[in-house]
Amino acid sequence: MHLYHKGICYDKEENYKIVMFVMIKIMEIETTKLNKVVLYLFNSINKVIMTYNS
């Protein structure tokens, strides 16, 4: 069963698939673009954490 809330999936298997897909795609990216992707992911995760804590 998938449970979505604010774009976050609470199904552990689905999250595992998403994380693995993102990791594979990140490894394929050139270094210059990788910095932008990492910054975007960091900001996205930070935004979710700040929303969760408030």
C-alpha atoms as a PDB file:
ATOM      1  CA  MET A   1       0.000   0.000   0.000  1.00  0.00           C
ATOM      2  CA  HIS A   2       1.340   3.403  -0.969  1.00  0.00           C
ATOM      3  CA  LEU A   3       0.723   6.341   1.283  1.00  0.00           C
ATOM      4  CA  TYR A   4       1.626   9.767  -0.087  1.00  0.00           C
ATOM      5  CA  HIS A   5       1.673  13.022   1.846  1.00  0.00           C
ATOM      6  CA  LYS A   6       3.197  16.259   0.512  1.00  0.00           C
ATOM      7  CA  GLY A   7       5.076  14.342  -2.181  1.00  0.00           C
ATOM      8  CA  ILE A   8       6.652  11.892   0.265  1.00  0.00           C
ATOM      9  CA  CYS A   9       6.030   8.177  -0.150  1.00  0.00           C
ATOM     10  CA  TYR A  10       5.741   6.250   3.107  1.00  0.00           C
ATOM     11  CA  ASP A  11       6.094   2.835   1.483  1.00  0.00           C
ATOM     12  CA  LYS A  12       9.623   1.603   2.349  1.00  0.00           C
ATOM     13  CA  GLU A  13       9.961  -0.545  -0.780  1.00  0.00           C
ATOM     14  CA  GLU A  14       8.911   2.321  -3.032  1.00  0.00           C
ATOM     15  CA  ASN A  15      11.333   4.697  -1.302  1.00  0.00           C
ATOM     16  CA  TYR A  16      14.136   2.148  -1.783  1.00  0.00           C
ATOM     17  CA  LYS A  17      13.423   1.997  -5.526  1.00  0.00           C
ATOM     18  CA  ILE A  18      13.402   5.796  -5.785  1.00  0.00           C
ATOM     19  CA  VAL A  19      16.670   6.138  -3.847  1.00  0.00           C
ATOM     20  CA  MET A  20      18.378   3.493  -5.985  1.00  0.00           C
ATOM     21  CA  PHE A  21      17.178   5.152  -9.202  1.00  0.00           C
ATOM     22  CA  VAL A  22      18.432   8.558  -8.059  1.00  0.00           C
ATOM     23  CA  MET A  23      21.803   7.116  -7.008  1.00  0.00           C
ATOM     24  CA  ILE A  24      22.275   5.452 -10.395  1.00  0.00           C
ATOM     25  CA  LYS A  25      21.361   8.643 -12.249  1.00  0.00           C
ATOM     26  CA  ILE A  26      23.697  10.725 -10.072  1.00  0.00           C
ATOM     27  CA  MET A  27      26.609   8.390 -10.884  1.00  0.00           C
ATOM     28  CA  GLU A  28      25.982   8.921 -14.621  1.00  0.00           C
ATOM     29  CA  ILE A  29      26.133  12.745 -14.425  1.00  0.00           C
ATOM     30  CA  GLU A  30      29.228  14.803 -15.295  1.00  0.00           C
ATOM     31  CA  THR A  31      30.981  16.551 -12.403  1.00  0.00           C
ATOM     32  CA  THR A  32      29.849  20.058 -13.307  1.00  0.00           C
ATOM     33  CA  LYS A  33      26.192  19.080 -13.424  1.00  0.00           C
ATOM     34  CA  LEU A  34      26.597  16.869 -10.364  1.00  0.00           C
ATOM     35  CA  ASN A  35      27.246  19.893  -8.148  1.00  0.00           C
ATOM     36  CA  LYS A  36      23.923  21.426  -9.205  1.00  0.00           C
ATOM     37  CA  VAL A  37      22.058  18.171  -8.604  1.00  0.00           C
ATOM     38  CA  VAL A  38      23.587  17.677  -5.154  1.00  0.00           C
ATOM     39  CA  LEU A  39      22.727  21.247  -4.179  1.00  0.00           C
ATOM     40  CA  TYR A  40      19.144  20.779  -5.398  1.00  0.00           C
ATOM     41  CA  LEU A  41      18.752  17.522  -3.459  1.00  0.00           C
ATOM     42  CA  PHE A  42      20.251  19.055  -0.319  1.00  0.00           C
ATOM     43  CA  ASN A  43      17.872  22.018  -0.504  1.00  0.00           C
ATOM     44  CA  SER A  44      14.892  19.729  -1.153  1.00  0.00           C
ATOM     45  CA  ILE A  45      15.710  17.478   1.793  1.00  0.00           C
ATOM     46  CA  ASN A  46      16.351  20.485   4.016  1.00  0.00           C
ATOM     47  CA  LYS A  47      12.972  21.951   3.023  1.00  0.00           C
ATOM     48  CA  VAL A  48      11.193  18.697   3.929  1.00  0.00           C
ATOM     49  CA  ILE A  49      12.969  18.562   7.285  1.00  0.00           C
ATOM     50  CA  MET A  50      12.134  22.176   8.077  1.00  0.00           C
ATOM     51  CA  THR A  51       8.476  21.569   7.135  1.00  0.00           C
ATOM     52  CA  TYR A  52       8.363  18.404   9.237  1.00  0.00           C
ATOM     53  CA  ASN A  53       9.857  20.157  12.283  1.00  0.00           C
ATOM     54  CA  SER A  54       7.446  23.094  12.178  1.00  0.00           C
END
